[in-house]
Amino acid sequence: MAVRIRLTRMGRKKKPFYRIVVANAEASRDGQFLEVVGTYDPCKQPAEVIVKQDRVKVWLDKGALPSDTVKSLLAKAAKVAE
């Protein structure tokens, strides 16, 4: 089973809000997921990224692959945390 760390869309029309989730690679975008590991709100200025670093590290150690967008968000969150 391939596991990915990716975004799932929440919120209403024209007001997106995303959860950073760990999901089976074959699951649909807003389908089942294994765990919520963070949030991303692009509507706030500046965009708000909240990540549970410890849980992300656990999943990365288990072999989960982040999507390109999540990879950049994790880098941004790590830079802010320093």
PDB file of N, CA and C in Angstrom:
ATOM      1  N   MET A   1       0.841  -1.180   0.000  1.00  0.00           N
ATOM      2  CA  MET A   1       0.000   0.000   0.000  1.00  0.00           C
ATOM      3  C   MET A   1       0.885   1.240   0.000  1.00  0.00           C
ATOM      4  N   ALA A   2       0.793   2.069  -1.035  1.00  0.00           N
ATOM      5  CA  ALA A   2       1.541   3.313  -1.127  1.00  0.00           C
ATOM      6  C   ALA A   2       0.805   4.397  -0.341  1.00  0.00           C
ATOM      7  N   VAL A   3       1.530   5.096   0.491  1.00  0.00           N
ATOM      8  CA  VAL A   3       0.935   6.130   1.332  1.00  0.00           C
ATOM      9  C   VAL A   3       1.507   7.480   0.919  1.00  0.00           C
ATOM     10  N   ARG A   4       0.631   8.485   0.798  1.00  0.00           N
ATOM     11  CA  ARG A   4       1.032   9.828   0.417  1.00  0.00           C
ATOM     12  C   ARG A   4       0.586  10.829   1.482  1.00  0.00           C
ATOM     13  N   ILE A   5       1.362  11.891   1.626  1.00  0.00           N
ATOM     14  CA  ILE A   5       0.960  13.022   2.458  1.00  0.00           C
ATOM     15  C   ILE A   5       0.520  14.092   1.476  1.00  0.00           C
ATOM     16  N   ARG A   6      -0.750  14.484   1.536  1.00  0.00           N
ATOM     17  CA  ARG A   6      -1.294  15.403   0.546  1.00  0.00           C
ATOM     18  C   ARG A   6      -2.374  16.286   1.147  1.00  0.00           C
ATOM     19  N   LEU A   7      -2.922  17.174   0.324  1.00  0.00           N
ATOM     20  CA  LEU A   7      -3.954  18.103   0.767  1.00  0.00           C
ATOM     21  C   LEU A   7      -5.336  17.558   0.451  1.00  0.00           C
ATOM     22  N   THR A   8      -6.279  17.850   1.319  1.00  0.00           N
ATOM     23  CA  THR A   8      -7.687  17.589   1.050  1.00  0.00           C
ATOM     24  C   THR A   8      -8.423  18.901   1.260  1.00  0.00           C
ATOM     25  N   ARG A   9      -9.321  19.238   0.336  1.00  0.00           N
ATOM     26  CA  ARG A   9      -9.970  20.548   0.354  1.00  0.00           C
ATOM     27  C   ARG A   9     -11.166  20.557   1.287  1.00  0.00           C
ATOM     28  N   MET A  10     -11.271  21.614   2.067  1.00  0.00           N
ATOM     29  CA  MET A  10     -12.389  21.841   2.967  1.00  0.00           C
ATOM     30  C   MET A  10     -12.884  23.257   2.700  1.00  0.00           C
ATOM     31  N   GLY A  11     -13.836  23.713   3.476  1.00  0.00           N
ATOM     32  CA  GLY A  11     -14.327  25.074   3.346  1.00  0.00           C
ATOM     33  C   GLY A  11     -15.460  25.180   2.334  1.00  0.00           C
ATOM     34  N   ARG A  12     -15.902  26.400   2.117  1.00  0.00           N
ATOM     35  CA  ARG A  12     -17.015  26.594   1.184  1.00  0.00           C
ATOM     36  C   ARG A  12     -16.497  27.146  -0.140  1.00  0.00           C
ATOM     37  N   LYS A  13     -17.409  27.396  -1.044  1.00  0.00           N
ATOM     38  CA  LYS A  13     -17.053  27.910  -2.358  1.00  0.00           C
ATOM     39  C   LYS A  13     -16.345  29.258  -2.232  1.00  0.00           C
ATOM     40  N   LYS A  14     -15.240  29.401  -2.929  1.00  0.00           N
ATOM     41  CA  LYS A  14     -14.412  30.621  -2.951  1.00  0.00           C
ATOM     42  C   LYS A  14     -13.670  30.893  -1.639  1.00  0.00           C
ATOM     43  N   LYS A  15     -13.802  30.017  -0.652  1.00  0.00           N
ATOM     44  CA  LYS A  15     -13.098  30.156   0.628  1.00  0.00           C
ATOM     45  C   LYS A  15     -12.422  28.830   0.977  1.00  0.00           C
ATOM     46  N   PRO A  16     -11.382  28.455   0.227  1.00  0.00           N
ATOM     47  CA  PRO A  16     -10.774  27.142   0.468  1.00  0.00           C
ATOM     48  C   PRO A  16      -9.985  27.097   1.771  1.00  0.00           C
ATOM     49  N   PHE A  17      -9.932  25.912   2.327  1.00  0.00           N
ATOM     50  CA  PHE A  17      -9.190  25.609   3.540  1.00  0.00           C
ATOM     51  C   PHE A  17      -8.732  24.167   3.348  1.00  0.00           C
ATOM     52  N   TYR A  18      -7.491  23.881   3.614  1.00  0.00           N
ATOM     53  CA  TYR A  18      -6.982  22.546   3.326  1.00  0.00           C
ATOM     54  C   TYR A  18      -6.488  21.853   4.587  1.00  0.00           C
ATOM     55  N   ARG A  19      -6.693  20.555   4.647  1.00  0.00           N
ATOM     56  CA  ARG A  19      -6.081  19.721   5.672  1.00  0.00           C
ATOM     57  C   ARG A  19      -4.912  18.990   5.027  1.00  0.00           C
ATOM     58  N   ILE A  20      -3.831  18.856   5.761  1.00  0.00           N
ATOM     59  CA  ILE A  20      -2.708  18.039   5.313  1.00  0.00           C
ATOM     60  C   ILE A  20      -2.951  16.664   5.919  1.00  0.00           C
ATOM     61  N   VAL A  21      -3.181  15.668   5.050  1.00  0.00           N
ATOM     62  CA  VAL A  21      -3.562  14.345   5.515  1.00  0.00           C
ATOM     63  C   VAL A  21      -2.613  13.281   4.982  1.00  0.00           C
ATOM     64  N   VAL A  22      -2.584  12.160   5.690  1.00  0.00           N
ATOM     65  CA  VAL A  22      -1.876  10.969   5.241  1.00  0.00           C
ATOM     66  C   VAL A  22      -2.946  10.035   4.707  1.00  0.00           C
ATOM     67  N   ALA A  23      -2.804   9.647   3.423  1.00  0.00           N
ATOM     68  CA  ALA A  23      -3.848   8.839   2.791  1.00  0.00           C
ATOM     69  C   ALA A  23      -3.225   7.803   1.865  1.00  0.00           C
ATOM     70  N   ASN A  24      -3.990   6.762   1.595  1.00  0.00           N
ATOM     71  CA  ASN A  24      -3.607   5.784   0.593  1.00  0.00           C
ATOM     72  C   ASN A  24      -3.528   6.509  -0.746  1.00  0.00           C
ATOM     73  N   ALA A  25      -2.522   6.225  -1.544  1.00  0.00           N
ATOM     74  CA  ALA A  25      -2.320   6.916  -2.810  1.00  0.00           C
ATOM     75  C   ALA A  25      -3.482   6.716  -3.771  1.00  0.00           C
ATOM     76  N   GLU A  26      -4.231   5.646  -3.620  1.00  0.00           N
ATOM     77  CA  GLU A  26      -5.333   5.353  -4.535  1.00  0.00           C
ATOM     78  C   GLU A  26      -6.656   5.978  -4.105  1.00  0.00           C
ATOM     79  N   ALA A  27      -6.723   6.538  -2.907  1.00  0.00           N
ATOM     80  CA  ALA A  27      -7.953   7.159  -2.411  1.00  0.00           C
ATOM     81  C   ALA A  27      -8.191   8.477  -3.148  1.00  0.00           C
ATOM     82  N   SER A  28      -9.464   8.869  -3.272  1.00  0.00           N
ATOM     83  CA  SER A  28      -9.781  10.122  -3.950  1.00  0.00           C
ATOM     84  C   SER A  28      -9.312  11.314  -3.114  1.00  0.00           C
ATOM     85  N   ARG A  29      -9.276  12.496  -3.728  1.00  0.00           N
ATOM     86  CA  ARG A  29      -8.744  13.689  -3.067  1.00  0.00           C
ATOM     87  C   ARG A  29      -9.412  13.969  -1.732  1.00  0.00           C
ATOM     88  N   ASP A  30     -10.736  13.899  -1.698  1.00  0.00           N
ATOM     89  CA  ASP A  30     -11.461  14.189  -0.473  1.00  0.00           C
ATOM     90  C   ASP A  30     -12.010  12.915   0.165  1.00  0.00           C
ATOM     91  N   GLY A  31     -11.417  11.779  -0.167  1.00  0.00           N
ATOM     92  CA  GLY A  31     -11.895  10.499   0.339  1.00  0.00           C
ATOM     93  C   GLY A  31     -11.278  10.143   1.682  1.00  0.00           C
ATOM     94  N   GLN A  32     -11.204   8.839   1.925  1.00  0.00           N
ATOM     95  CA  GLN A  32     -10.691   8.357   3.210  1.00  0.00           C
ATOM     96  C   GLN A  32      -9.222   8.731   3.392  1.00  0.00           C
ATOM     97  N   PHE A  33      -8.857   8.944   4.647  1.00  0.00           N
ATOM     98  CA  PHE A  33      -7.471   9.219   4.984  1.00  0.00           C
ATOM     99  C   PHE A  33      -7.136   8.504   6.282  1.00  0.00           C
ATOM    100  N   LEU A  34      -5.840   8.398   6.559  1.00  0.00           N
ATOM    101  CA  LEU A  34      -5.386   7.690   7.753  1.00  0.00           C
ATOM    102  C   LEU A  34      -5.252   8.623   8.953  1.00  0.00           C
ATOM    103  N   GLU A  35      -4.757   9.854   8.716  1.00  0.00           N
ATOM    104  CA  GLU A  35      -4.537  10.780   9.823  1.00  0.00           C
ATOM    105  C   GLU A  35      -4.417  12.212   9.306  1.00  0.00           C
ATOM    106  N   VAL A  36      -4.898  13.165  10.079  1.00  0.00           N
ATOM    107  CA  VAL A  36      -4.710  14.585   9.781  1.00  0.00           C
ATOM    108  C   VAL A  36      -3.433  15.028  10.493  1.00  0.00           C
ATOM    109  N   VAL A  37      -2.478  15.571   9.731  1.00  0.00           N
ATOM    110  CA  VAL A  37      -1.209  15.979  10.324  1.00  0.00           C
ATOM    111  C   VAL A  37      -0.976  17.487  10.253  1.00  0.00           C
ATOM    112  N   GLY A  38      -1.962  18.238   9.758  1.00  0.00           N
ATOM    113  CA  GLY A  38      -1.798  19.676   9.723  1.00  0.00           C
ATOM    114  C   GLY A  38      -2.898  20.356   8.941  1.00  0.00           C
ATOM    115  N   THR A  39      -2.788  21.700   8.839  1.00  0.00           N
ATOM    116  CA  THR A  39      -3.746  22.495   8.091  1.00  0.00           C
ATOM    117  C   THR A  39      -3.005  23.561   7.289  1.00  0.00           C
ATOM    118  N   TYR A  40      -3.680  24.037   6.247  1.00  0.00           N
ATOM    119  CA  TYR A  40      -3.143  25.102   5.406  1.00  0.00           C
ATOM    120  C   TYR A  40      -4.292  26.019   5.030  1.00  0.00           C
ATOM    121  N   ASP A  41      -4.167  27.303   5.363  1.00  0.00           N
ATOM    122  CA  ASP A  41      -5.211  28.283   5.053  1.00  0.00           C
ATOM    123  C   ASP A  41      -4.623  29.367   4.163  1.00  0.00           C
ATOM    124  N   PRO A  42      -4.853  29.280   2.830  1.00  0.00           N
ATOM    125  CA  PRO A  42      -4.290  30.272   1.918  1.00  0.00           C
ATOM    126  C   PRO A  42      -5.031  31.601   1.935  1.00  0.00           C
ATOM    127  N   CYS A  43      -6.193  31.671   2.554  1.00  0.00           N
ATOM    128  CA  CYS A  43      -6.986  32.905   2.566  1.00  0.00           C
ATOM    129  C   CYS A  43      -6.455  33.938   3.561  1.00  0.00           C
ATOM    130  N   LYS A  44      -5.731  33.509   4.559  1.00  0.00           N
ATOM    131  CA  LYS A  44      -5.162  34.445   5.531  1.00  0.00           C
ATOM    132  C   LYS A  44      -3.932  35.109   4.924  1.00  0.00           C
ATOM    133  N   GLN A  45      -3.648  36.309   5.405  1.00  0.00           N
ATOM    134  CA  GLN A  45      -2.470  37.034   4.928  1.00  0.00           C
ATOM    135  C   GLN A  45      -1.494  37.220   6.061  1.00  0.00           C
ATOM    136  N   PRO A  46      -0.322  36.639   6.077  1.00  0.00           N
ATOM    137  CA  PRO A  46       0.179  35.656   5.117  1.00  0.00           C
ATOM    138  C   PRO A  46      -0.489  34.291   5.327  1.00  0.00           C
ATOM    139  N   ALA A  47      -0.359  33.423   4.342  1.00  0.00           N
ATOM    140  CA  ALA A  47      -0.979  32.102   4.406  1.00  0.00           C
ATOM    141  C   ALA A  47      -0.509  31.368   5.659  1.00  0.00           C
ATOM    142  N   GLU A  48      -1.441  30.702   6.327  1.00  0.00           N
ATOM    143  CA  GLU A  48      -1.148  30.029   7.595  1.00  0.00           C
ATOM    144  C   GLU A  48      -0.935  28.538   7.371  1.00  0.00           C
ATOM    145  N   VAL A  49       0.194  28.024   7.853  1.00  0.00           N
ATOM    146  CA  VAL A  49       0.500  26.594   7.768  1.00  0.00           C
ATOM    147  C   VAL A  49       0.757  26.090   9.181  1.00  0.00           C
ATOM    148  N   ILE A  50      -0.024  25.106   9.618  1.00  0.00           N
ATOM    149  CA  ILE A  50       0.154  24.490  10.929  1.00  0.00           C
ATOM    150  C   ILE A  50       0.417  23.009  10.700  1.00  0.00           C
ATOM    151  N   VAL A  51       1.543  22.516  11.218  1.00  0.00           N
ATOM    152  CA  VAL A  51       1.943  21.132  10.974  1.00  0.00           C
ATOM    153  C   VAL A  51       2.330  20.468  12.289  1.00  0.00           C
ATOM    154  N   LYS A  52       1.887  19.228  12.474  1.00  0.00           N
ATOM    155  CA  LYS A  52       2.334  18.412  13.607  1.00  0.00           C
ATOM    156  C   LYS A  52       3.634  17.738  13.163  1.00  0.00           C
ATOM    157  N   GLN A  53       4.758  18.412  13.450  1.00  0.00           N
ATOM    158  CA  GLN A  53       6.062  17.949  12.957  1.00  0.00           C
ATOM    159  C   GLN A  53       6.382  16.517  13.392  1.00  0.00           C
ATOM    160  N   ASP A  54       6.038  16.165  14.635  1.00  0.00           N
ATOM    161  CA  ASP A  54       6.354  14.828  15.126  1.00  0.00           C
ATOM    162  C   ASP A  54       5.601  13.746  14.349  1.00  0.00           C
ATOM    163  N   ARG A  55       4.322  13.985  14.036  1.00  0.00           N
ATOM    164  CA  ARG A  55       3.531  12.992  13.299  1.00  0.00           C
ATOM    165  C   ARG A  55       3.983  12.896  11.839  1.00  0.00           C
ATOM    166  N   VAL A  56       4.358  14.043  11.249  1.00  0.00           N
ATOM    167  CA  VAL A  56       4.862  14.018   9.874  1.00  0.00           C
ATOM    168  C   VAL A  56       6.151  13.210   9.813  1.00  0.00           C
ATOM    169  N   LYS A  57       7.021  13.398  10.795  1.00  0.00           N
ATOM    170  CA  LYS A  57       8.288  12.660  10.822  1.00  0.00           C
ATOM    171  C   LYS A  57       8.038  11.156  10.932  1.00  0.00           C
ATOM    172  N   VAL A  58       7.073  10.767  11.768  1.00  0.00           N
ATOM    173  CA  VAL A  58       6.740   9.345  11.915  1.00  0.00           C
ATOM    174  C   VAL A  58       6.317   8.758  10.578  1.00  0.00           C
ATOM    175  N   TRP A  59       5.432   9.461   9.857  1.00  0.00           N
ATOM    176  CA  TRP A  59       4.944   8.943   8.571  1.00  0.00           C
ATOM    177  C   TRP A  59       6.030   8.943   7.509  1.00  0.00           C
ATOM    178  N   LEU A  60       6.897   9.957   7.509  1.00  0.00           N
ATOM    179  CA  LEU A  60       7.994   9.972   6.550  1.00  0.00           C
ATOM    180  C   LEU A  60       8.960   8.823   6.811  1.00  0.00           C
ATOM    181  N   ASP A  61       9.192   8.518   8.096  1.00  0.00           N
ATOM    182  CA  ASP A  61      10.056   7.390   8.449  1.00  0.00           C
ATOM    183  C   ASP A  61       9.453   6.059   8.024  1.00  0.00           C
ATOM    184  N   LYS A  62       8.117   5.991   7.995  1.00  0.00           N
ATOM    185  CA  LYS A  62       7.435   4.767   7.563  1.00  0.00           C
ATOM    186  C   LYS A  62       7.400   4.633   6.043  1.00  0.00           C
ATOM    187  N   GLY A  63       7.812   5.682   5.326  1.00  0.00           N
ATOM    188  CA  GLY A  63       7.870   5.597   3.869  1.00  0.00           C
ATOM    189  C   GLY A  63       6.822   6.379   3.127  1.00  0.00           C
ATOM    190  N   ALA A  64       6.056   7.219   3.806  1.00  0.00           N
ATOM    191  CA  ALA A  64       5.050   8.038   3.124  1.00  0.00           C
ATOM    192  C   ALA A  64       5.747   9.093   2.266  1.00  0.00           C
ATOM    193  N   LEU A  65       5.207   9.346   1.078  1.00  0.00           N
ATOM    194  CA  LEU A  65       5.780  10.328   0.174  1.00  0.00           C
ATOM    195  C   LEU A  65       4.908  11.579   0.153  1.00  0.00           C
ATOM    196  N   PRO A  66       5.486  12.771   0.393  1.00  0.00           N
ATOM    197  CA  PRO A  66       4.679  13.994   0.326  1.00  0.00           C
ATOM    198  C   PRO A  66       4.474  14.421  -1.128  1.00  0.00           C
ATOM    199  N   SER A  67       3.330  15.034  -1.413  1.00  0.00           N
ATOM    200  CA  SER A  67       3.096  15.608  -2.740  1.00  0.00           C
ATOM    201  C   SER A  67       4.005  16.827  -2.887  1.00  0.00           C
ATOM    202  N   ASP A  68       4.132  17.333  -4.108  1.00  0.00           N
ATOM    203  CA  ASP A  68       4.991  18.497  -4.341  1.00  0.00           C
ATOM    204  C   ASP A  68       4.548  19.702  -3.524  1.00  0.00           C
ATOM    205  N   THR A  69       3.239  19.945  -3.479  1.00  0.00           N
ATOM    206  CA  THR A  69       2.709  21.077  -2.734  1.00  0.00           C
ATOM    207  C   THR A  69       2.971  20.925  -1.241  1.00  0.00           C
ATOM    208  N   VAL A  70       2.740  19.734  -0.717  1.00  0.00           N
ATOM    209  CA  VAL A  70       2.966  19.496   0.716  1.00  0.00           C
ATOM    210  C   VAL A  70       4.449  19.605   1.042  1.00  0.00           C
ATOM    211  N   LYS A  71       5.301  19.152   0.148  1.00  0.00           N
ATOM    212  CA  LYS A  71       6.741  19.263   0.372  1.00  0.00           C
ATOM    213  C   LYS A  71       7.145  20.723   0.551  1.00  0.00           C
ATOM    214  N   SER A  72       6.607  21.614  -0.289  1.00  0.00           N
ATOM    215  CA  SER A  72       6.941  23.037  -0.159  1.00  0.00           C
ATOM    216  C   SER A  72       6.324  23.637   1.101  1.00  0.00           C
ATOM    217  N   LEU A  73       5.114  23.197   1.475  1.00  0.00           N
ATOM    218  CA  LEU A  73       4.494  23.698   2.707  1.00  0.00           C
ATOM    219  C   LEU A  73       5.270  23.243   3.940  1.00  0.00           C
ATOM    220  N   LEU A  74       5.765  22.010   3.933  1.00  0.00           N
ATOM    221  CA  LEU A  74       6.564  21.521   5.065  1.00  0.00           C
ATOM    222  C   LEU A  74       7.865  22.303   5.188  1.00  0.00           C
ATOM    223  N   ALA A  75       8.478  22.635   4.063  1.00  0.00           N
ATOM    224  CA  ALA A  75       9.695  23.438   4.092  1.00  0.00           C
ATOM    225  C   ALA A  75       9.410  24.829   4.644  1.00  0.00           C
ATOM    226  N   LYS A  76       8.279  25.413   4.240  1.00  0.00           N
ATOM    227  CA  LYS A  76       7.893  26.734   4.726  1.00  0.00           C
ATOM    228  C   LYS A  76       7.627  26.702   6.226  1.00  0.00           C
ATOM    229  N   ALA A  77       6.946  25.644   6.696  1.00  0.00           N
ATOM    230  CA  ALA A  77       6.636  25.517   8.114  1.00  0.00           C
ATOM    231  C   ALA A  77       7.904  25.309   8.932  1.00  0.00           C
ATOM    232  N   ALA A  78       8.853  24.557   8.398  1.00  0.00           N
ATOM    233  CA  ALA A  78      10.111  24.329   9.109  1.00  0.00           C
ATOM    234  C   ALA A  78      10.913  25.610   9.200  1.00  0.00           C
ATOM    235  N   LYS A  79      10.868  26.431   8.156  1.00  0.00           N
ATOM    236  CA  LYS A  79      11.599  27.693   8.141  1.00  0.00           C
ATOM    237  C   LYS A  79      11.020  28.665   9.172  1.00  0.00           C
ATOM    238  N   VAL A  80       9.691  28.673   9.314  1.00  0.00           N
ATOM    239  CA  VAL A  80       9.023  29.554  10.269  1.00  0.00           C
ATOM    240  C   VAL A  80       9.296  29.079  11.691  1.00  0.00           C
ATOM    241  N   ALA A  81       9.402  27.776  11.903  1.00  0.00           N
ATOM    242  CA  ALA A  81       9.599  27.221  13.238  1.00  0.00           C
ATOM    243  C   ALA A  81      10.992  27.538  13.783  1.00  0.00           C
ATOM    244  N   GLU A  82      11.939  27.814  12.908  1.00  0.00           N
ATOM    245  CA  GLU A  82      13.310  28.087  13.370  1.00  0.00           C
ATOM    246  C   GLU A  82      13.444  29.409  14.047  1.00  0.00           C
TER     247      GLU A  82
END
